[in-house]
Protein backbone atom coordinates (compact mmCIF):
# COMPACT_ATOMS: atom_id res chain seq x y z
CA UNK A 1 1.81 -38.85 -4.30
CA UNK A 2 -1.03 -37.92 -6.91
CA UNK A 3 -3.38 -37.04 -3.66
CA UNK A 4 -0.77 -34.97 -2.59
CA UNK A 5 -0.34 -32.90 -6.04
CA UNK A 6 -4.08 -32.78 -6.08
CA UNK A 7 -4.50 -31.32 -2.67
CA UNK A 8 -1.84 -28.95 -3.22
CA UNK A 9 -3.49 -27.64 -6.58
CA UNK A 10 -6.86 -27.30 -4.81
CA UNK A 11 -5.21 -25.12 -2.20
CA UNK A 12 -3.54 -23.08 -4.52
CA UNK A 13 -6.69 -22.01 -6.37
CA UNK A 14 -8.88 -19.44 -4.55
CA UNK A 15 -12.70 -20.30 -3.62
CA UNK A 16 -14.10 -17.69 -5.37
CA UNK A 17 -11.86 -14.84 -7.17
CA UNK A 18 -12.57 -11.74 -5.57
CA UNK A 19 -13.16 -8.58 -8.01
CA UNK A 20 -11.30 -5.63 -7.59
CA UNK A 21 -11.70 -1.82 -8.55
CA UNK A 22 -8.80 0.54 -9.30
CA UNK A 23 -9.52 4.01 -7.53
CA UNK A 24 -8.43 7.45 -8.80
CA UNK A 25 -6.23 8.12 -5.70
CA UNK A 26 -5.47 7.15 -2.42
CA UNK A 27 -5.56 8.72 1.31
CA UNK A 28 -2.03 7.90 3.07
CA UNK A 29 -1.07 8.73 6.58
CA UNK A 30 2.67 9.75 7.46
CA UNK A 31 4.15 9.80 11.18
CA UNK A 32 7.24 11.89 11.97
CA UNK A 33 8.11 9.50 15.03
CA UNK A 34 10.47 12.34 16.12
CA UNK A 35 7.54 15.32 16.60
CA UNK A 36 4.98 12.65 16.92
CA UNK A 37 2.70 14.44 14.54
CA UNK A 38 0.75 12.47 11.62
CA UNK A 39 -0.21 13.77 8.40
CA UNK A 40 -2.74 12.70 6.22
CA UNK A 41 -1.66 12.55 2.52
CA UNK A 42 -4.15 12.59 -0.41
CA UNK A 43 -2.35 11.21 -3.58
CA UNK A 44 -4.15 10.87 -7.02
CA UNK A 45 -2.53 7.70 -9.19
CA UNK A 46 0.41 8.33 -10.98
CA UNK A 47 1.25 11.65 -8.76
CA UNK A 48 3.97 12.01 -5.90
CA UNK A 49 3.80 14.27 -2.75
CA UNK A 50 6.28 15.18 -0.45
CA UNK A 51 6.73 14.31 2.86
CA UNK A 52 9.52 15.62 4.96
CA UNK A 53 12.30 14.23 2.85
CA UNK A 54 10.41 11.44 1.37
CA UNK A 55 8.86 11.73 -2.02
CA UNK A 56 5.93 9.19 -1.97
CA UNK A 57 4.33 8.03 -5.41
CA UNK A 58 1.06 6.15 -5.92
CA UNK A 59 1.36 3.84 -8.87
CA UNK A 60 -2.25 2.23 -8.25
CA UNK A 61 -5.26 2.01 -5.66
CA UNK A 62 -7.10 -0.92 -5.66
CA UNK A 63 -9.95 -2.18 -3.37
CA UNK A 64 -12.62 -5.03 -3.28
CA UNK A 65 -15.41 -4.27 -5.70
CA UNK A 66 -18.25 -5.57 -3.69
CA UNK A 67 -17.10 -3.70 -0.35
CA UNK A 68 -15.11 -0.58 -0.99
CA UNK A 69 -14.80 0.40 2.70
CA UNK A 70 -13.16 -3.14 3.40
CA UNK A 71 -9.59 -2.78 2.54
CA UNK A 72 -7.15 -1.05 0.34
CA UNK A 73 -4.12 -2.04 -1.29
CA UNK A 74 -1.39 0.46 -2.77
CA UNK A 75 1.35 0.23 -5.20
CA UNK A 76 3.93 2.70 -3.53
CA UNK A 77 7.45 3.98 -4.19
CA UNK A 78 9.01 5.89 -1.73
CA UNK A 79 12.23 7.88 -2.04
CA UNK A 80 14.41 9.69 0.25
CA UNK A 81 15.11 12.82 -1.69
CA UNK A 82 18.26 13.79 0.34
CA UNK A 83 20.24 10.48 -0.96
CA UNK A 84 18.36 9.90 -3.95
CA UNK A 85 17.76 6.22 -3.02
CA UNK A 86 14.31 4.01 -3.10
CA UNK A 87 13.37 2.89 0.50
CA UNK A 88 9.86 1.42 -0.15
CA UNK A 89 8.67 0.17 -3.50
CA UNK A 90 5.95 -2.37 -3.61
CA UNK A 91 2.32 -2.64 -2.21
CA UNK A 92 0.87 -1.84 1.07
CA UNK A 93 -2.39 -3.09 2.29
CA UNK A 94 -4.50 -0.91 4.54
CA UNK A 95 -5.35 -4.02 7.00
CA UNK A 96 -1.81 -5.16 7.67
CA UNK A 97 0.32 -2.40 7.34
CA UNK A 98 3.22 -4.09 9.31
CA UNK A 99 3.09 -6.91 6.17
CA UNK A 100 4.85 -4.71 4.06
CA UNK A 101 5.90 -1.60 5.70
CA UNK A 102 8.57 1.49 4.97
CA UNK A 103 11.79 0.46 7.11
CA UNK A 104 12.58 4.30 8.16
CA UNK A 105 14.03 5.68 11.30
CA UNK A 106 12.43 8.69 11.01
CA UNK A 107 9.10 8.40 8.84
CA UNK A 108 6.33 5.66 8.66
CA UNK A 109 3.94 6.10 5.66
CA UNK A 110 1.06 3.61 5.55
CA UNK A 111 -2.40 3.55 3.41
CA UNK A 112 -5.55 4.57 4.74
CA UNK A 113 -8.11 3.80 2.01
CA UNK A 114 -8.42 3.98 -1.96
CA UNK A 115 -10.19 7.28 -2.80
CA UNK A 116 -12.41 8.01 -6.24
């Protein structure tokens, strides 16, 4: 019993905590599934961009401090402006876009990288 608790505790603590840095913005990519056209959208932190009927707001963008080109994590809020409803609110990870994705019949939005 004690051995199981110690094992669970050891697995919960990462071997080495990775330092992250915050960027001033992010590069997002949108796909219009009907036309097949992709659009790159640079977004500063705290700002929003319009993409079709969507408003995409960037709250924060983080990346590994020791390897800026390896991955990006962006906190996004995506709203359908025609229905005034939030379609997505949370973190998207550039290396795993399907892990936490926007669920919309027409549009896809994903993170490409953080930008300083």
